[in-house]
N, C-alpha and C. Protein backbone atom coordinates (compact mmCIF):
# COMPACT_ATOMS: atom_id res chain seq x y z
N MET A 1 0.86 -1.17 0.00
CA MET A 1 0.00 0.00 0.00
C MET A 1 0.91 1.23 0.00
N LYS A 2 0.48 2.26 -0.72
CA LYS A 2 1.23 3.51 -0.81
C LYS A 2 0.26 4.66 -0.56
N ALA A 3 0.69 5.65 0.22
CA ALA A 3 -0.13 6.83 0.49
C ALA A 3 0.54 8.06 -0.09
N ILE A 4 -0.26 8.91 -0.72
CA ILE A 4 0.22 10.18 -1.26
C ILE A 4 -0.56 11.29 -0.55
N GLN A 5 0.18 12.23 0.01
CA GLN A 5 -0.42 13.36 0.71
C GLN A 5 -0.33 14.59 -0.19
N VAL A 6 -1.46 15.28 -0.35
CA VAL A 6 -1.50 16.50 -1.16
C VAL A 6 -1.92 17.64 -0.25
N LYS A 7 -1.05 18.64 -0.14
CA LYS A 7 -1.36 19.76 0.75
C LYS A 7 -1.44 21.06 -0.04
N TYR A 8 -2.27 21.94 0.44
CA TYR A 8 -2.43 23.28 -0.13
C TYR A 8 -1.34 24.18 0.41
N LEU A 9 -0.67 24.91 -0.47
CA LEU A 9 0.35 25.87 -0.06
C LEU A 9 -0.19 27.27 -0.31
N ALA A 10 -0.38 28.02 0.76
CA ALA A 10 -0.94 29.37 0.65
C ALA A 10 0.02 30.29 -0.10
N PRO A 11 -0.52 31.30 -0.76
CA PRO A 11 0.34 32.21 -1.52
C PRO A 11 1.23 33.06 -0.61
N LYS A 12 2.48 33.18 -1.02
CA LYS A 12 3.41 34.11 -0.38
C LYS A 12 3.95 34.96 -1.51
N VAL A 13 5.02 34.53 -2.13
CA VAL A 13 5.54 35.23 -3.31
C VAL A 13 4.83 34.70 -4.55
N ARG A 14 4.66 33.37 -4.61
CA ARG A 14 3.96 32.73 -5.73
C ARG A 14 2.48 32.62 -5.39
N GLY A 15 1.69 32.26 -6.37
CA GLY A 15 0.26 32.07 -6.13
C GLY A 15 0.00 30.79 -5.35
N SER A 16 -1.27 30.46 -5.17
CA SER A 16 -1.65 29.24 -4.47
C SER A 16 -1.16 28.03 -5.24
N ARG A 17 -0.72 27.00 -4.49
CA ARG A 17 -0.16 25.80 -5.09
C ARG A 17 -0.59 24.57 -4.30
N PHE A 18 -0.43 23.42 -4.93
CA PHE A 18 -0.61 22.14 -4.28
C PHE A 18 0.71 21.38 -4.36
N LYS A 19 1.04 20.65 -3.29
CA LYS A 19 2.25 19.83 -3.27
C LYS A 19 1.86 18.40 -2.92
N ALA A 20 2.26 17.47 -3.77
CA ALA A 20 2.00 16.05 -3.54
C ALA A 20 3.31 15.38 -3.15
N SER A 21 3.25 14.56 -2.10
CA SER A 21 4.46 13.87 -1.65
C SER A 21 4.11 12.48 -1.14
N ALA A 22 5.09 11.60 -1.26
CA ALA A 22 4.96 10.23 -0.76
C ALA A 22 6.35 9.75 -0.38
N GLU A 23 6.42 8.91 0.62
CA GLU A 23 7.70 8.41 1.09
C GLU A 23 8.46 7.69 -0.02
N GLY A 24 9.69 8.11 -0.24
CA GLY A 24 10.53 7.47 -1.23
C GLY A 24 10.37 7.97 -2.66
N TRP A 25 9.41 8.86 -2.90
CA TRP A 25 9.18 9.41 -4.23
C TRP A 25 9.45 10.91 -4.22
N LYS A 26 9.89 11.45 -5.35
CA LYS A 26 10.12 12.88 -5.47
C LYS A 26 8.77 13.61 -5.46
N SER A 27 8.67 14.66 -4.66
CA SER A 27 7.42 15.42 -4.57
C SER A 27 7.21 16.26 -5.84
N ILE A 28 5.96 16.60 -6.08
CA ILE A 28 5.63 17.48 -7.20
C ILE A 28 4.79 18.65 -6.69
N THR A 29 4.98 19.80 -7.28
CA THR A 29 4.22 20.99 -6.90
C THR A 29 3.63 21.59 -8.17
N GLU A 30 2.35 21.95 -8.11
CA GLU A 30 1.66 22.55 -9.25
C GLU A 30 0.92 23.79 -8.79
N PRO A 31 0.80 24.79 -9.68
CA PRO A 31 -0.02 25.95 -9.33
C PRO A 31 -1.49 25.53 -9.26
N MET A 32 -2.25 26.21 -8.45
CA MET A 32 -3.66 25.90 -8.30
C MET A 32 -4.39 26.23 -9.60
N ASP A 33 -5.19 25.29 -10.07
CA ASP A 33 -6.00 25.48 -11.27
C ASP A 33 -7.39 25.92 -10.81
N TYR A 34 -7.68 27.21 -10.95
CA TYR A 34 -8.93 27.76 -10.44
C TYR A 34 -10.15 27.29 -11.23
N ALA A 35 -9.93 26.64 -12.38
CA ALA A 35 -11.04 26.10 -13.16
C ALA A 35 -11.52 24.76 -12.59
N LEU A 36 -10.72 24.14 -11.73
CA LEU A 36 -11.05 22.85 -11.15
C LEU A 36 -11.42 22.99 -9.68
N ASN A 37 -12.21 22.06 -9.20
CA ASN A 37 -12.45 21.92 -7.78
C ASN A 37 -11.13 21.49 -7.15
N PRO A 38 -10.73 22.05 -6.01
CA PRO A 38 -9.44 21.68 -5.40
C PRO A 38 -9.28 20.17 -5.15
N GLU A 39 -10.36 19.51 -4.78
CA GLU A 39 -10.29 18.06 -4.54
C GLU A 39 -10.00 17.30 -5.83
N VAL A 40 -10.56 17.77 -6.93
CA VAL A 40 -10.31 17.14 -8.23
C VAL A 40 -8.85 17.34 -8.64
N GLN A 41 -8.32 18.54 -8.45
CA GLN A 41 -6.93 18.78 -8.79
C GLN A 41 -6.01 17.92 -7.93
N ALA A 42 -6.31 17.81 -6.64
CA ALA A 42 -5.49 16.98 -5.75
C ALA A 42 -5.52 15.52 -6.19
N ARG A 43 -6.70 15.03 -6.55
CA ARG A 43 -6.83 13.64 -7.01
C ARG A 43 -6.05 13.43 -8.31
N ASN A 44 -6.13 14.38 -9.24
CA ASN A 44 -5.40 14.28 -10.50
C ASN A 44 -3.88 14.25 -10.26
N MET A 45 -3.41 15.07 -9.31
CA MET A 45 -1.98 15.07 -8.98
C MET A 45 -1.55 13.73 -8.40
N ALA A 46 -2.36 13.18 -7.49
CA ALA A 46 -2.03 11.89 -6.88
C ALA A 46 -2.00 10.80 -7.94
N TRP A 47 -2.96 10.81 -8.83
CA TRP A 47 -3.00 9.80 -9.88
C TRP A 47 -1.78 9.92 -10.80
N ALA A 48 -1.41 11.15 -11.18
CA ALA A 48 -0.25 11.36 -12.04
C ALA A 48 1.04 10.90 -11.34
N MET A 49 1.14 11.20 -10.05
CA MET A 49 2.33 10.78 -9.29
C MET A 49 2.40 9.26 -9.22
N TRP A 50 1.26 8.63 -9.01
CA TRP A 50 1.20 7.17 -8.96
C TRP A 50 1.63 6.57 -10.30
N CYS A 51 1.09 7.09 -11.39
CA CYS A 51 1.40 6.56 -12.73
C CYS A 51 2.88 6.73 -13.07
N ASP A 52 3.49 7.81 -12.60
CA ASP A 52 4.91 8.06 -12.88
C ASP A 52 5.85 7.16 -12.07
N ASN A 53 5.39 6.67 -10.93
CA ASN A 53 6.29 5.95 -10.02
C ASN A 53 5.98 4.48 -9.80
N ALA A 54 4.74 4.09 -9.89
CA ALA A 54 4.36 2.70 -9.59
C ALA A 54 4.68 1.80 -10.77
N THR A 55 5.15 0.60 -10.48
CA THR A 55 5.49 -0.33 -11.54
C THR A 55 4.34 -1.28 -11.87
N ASP A 56 3.43 -1.47 -10.94
CA ASP A 56 2.30 -2.38 -11.17
C ASP A 56 0.99 -1.70 -10.79
N GLY A 57 0.81 -0.48 -11.26
CA GLY A 57 -0.33 0.35 -10.86
C GLY A 57 -1.69 -0.20 -11.21
N GLU A 58 -1.79 -1.05 -12.21
CA GLU A 58 -3.10 -1.54 -12.63
C GLU A 58 -3.73 -2.51 -11.63
N HIS A 59 -2.96 -2.94 -10.64
CA HIS A 59 -3.47 -3.89 -9.66
C HIS A 59 -3.97 -3.23 -8.38
N TYR A 60 -4.10 -1.92 -8.39
CA TYR A 60 -4.49 -1.20 -7.19
C TYR A 60 -5.73 -0.34 -7.43
N VAL A 61 -6.42 -0.02 -6.35
CA VAL A 61 -7.58 0.86 -6.37
C VAL A 61 -7.24 2.07 -5.51
N MET A 62 -7.63 3.27 -5.96
CA MET A 62 -7.34 4.48 -5.20
C MET A 62 -8.49 4.80 -4.25
N ALA A 63 -8.15 5.03 -2.98
CA ALA A 63 -9.11 5.49 -1.98
C ALA A 63 -8.62 6.85 -1.50
N GLN A 64 -9.55 7.72 -1.11
CA GLN A 64 -9.13 9.05 -0.68
C GLN A 64 -9.79 9.45 0.62
N GLY A 65 -9.14 10.39 1.29
CA GLY A 65 -9.64 10.91 2.55
C GLY A 65 -9.03 12.27 2.82
N THR A 66 -9.41 12.84 3.94
CA THR A 66 -8.90 14.16 4.33
C THR A 66 -8.40 14.07 5.76
N LEU A 67 -7.22 14.63 6.01
CA LEU A 67 -6.66 14.68 7.35
C LEU A 67 -7.31 15.83 8.13
N PRO A 68 -7.20 15.81 9.47
CA PRO A 68 -7.79 16.89 10.27
C PRO A 68 -7.28 18.29 9.90
N ASN A 69 -6.05 18.39 9.37
CA ASN A 69 -5.52 19.70 9.01
C ASN A 69 -5.96 20.15 7.61
N GLY A 70 -6.77 19.33 6.92
CA GLY A 70 -7.29 19.71 5.61
C GLY A 70 -6.52 19.13 4.43
N ASP A 71 -5.39 18.47 4.69
CA ASP A 71 -4.63 17.85 3.60
C ASP A 71 -5.41 16.67 3.05
N TYR A 72 -5.28 16.45 1.74
CA TYR A 72 -5.88 15.29 1.09
C TYR A 72 -4.89 14.13 1.16
N VAL A 73 -5.42 12.92 1.31
CA VAL A 73 -4.59 11.72 1.31
C VAL A 73 -5.23 10.70 0.37
N PHE A 74 -4.38 10.14 -0.48
CA PHE A 74 -4.84 9.13 -1.44
C PHE A 74 -4.01 7.89 -1.20
N CYS A 75 -4.71 6.77 -0.97
CA CYS A 75 -4.05 5.49 -0.72
C CYS A 75 -4.37 4.55 -1.88
N PHE A 76 -3.38 3.80 -2.26
CA PHE A 76 -3.54 2.82 -3.31
C PHE A 76 -3.47 1.45 -2.66
N ILE A 77 -4.60 0.73 -2.70
CA ILE A 77 -4.71 -0.54 -1.98
C ILE A 77 -5.07 -1.66 -2.94
């Protein structure tokens, strides 16, 4: 099982962004797409990260949830 955490990064110098990270994989950061629902963008990022890194991705199902701090978590089981 692998978990990917996607967190919202508030604007400072750059605009709003999302960062996806998982243990052992290089994290990715994307600018917020205001045309999409934030949950949809987070799910798309997790799926893209999974496809780029997993070797047997077709054998897993993605489940999602939200942590108490508002971060999205996607698990592949």
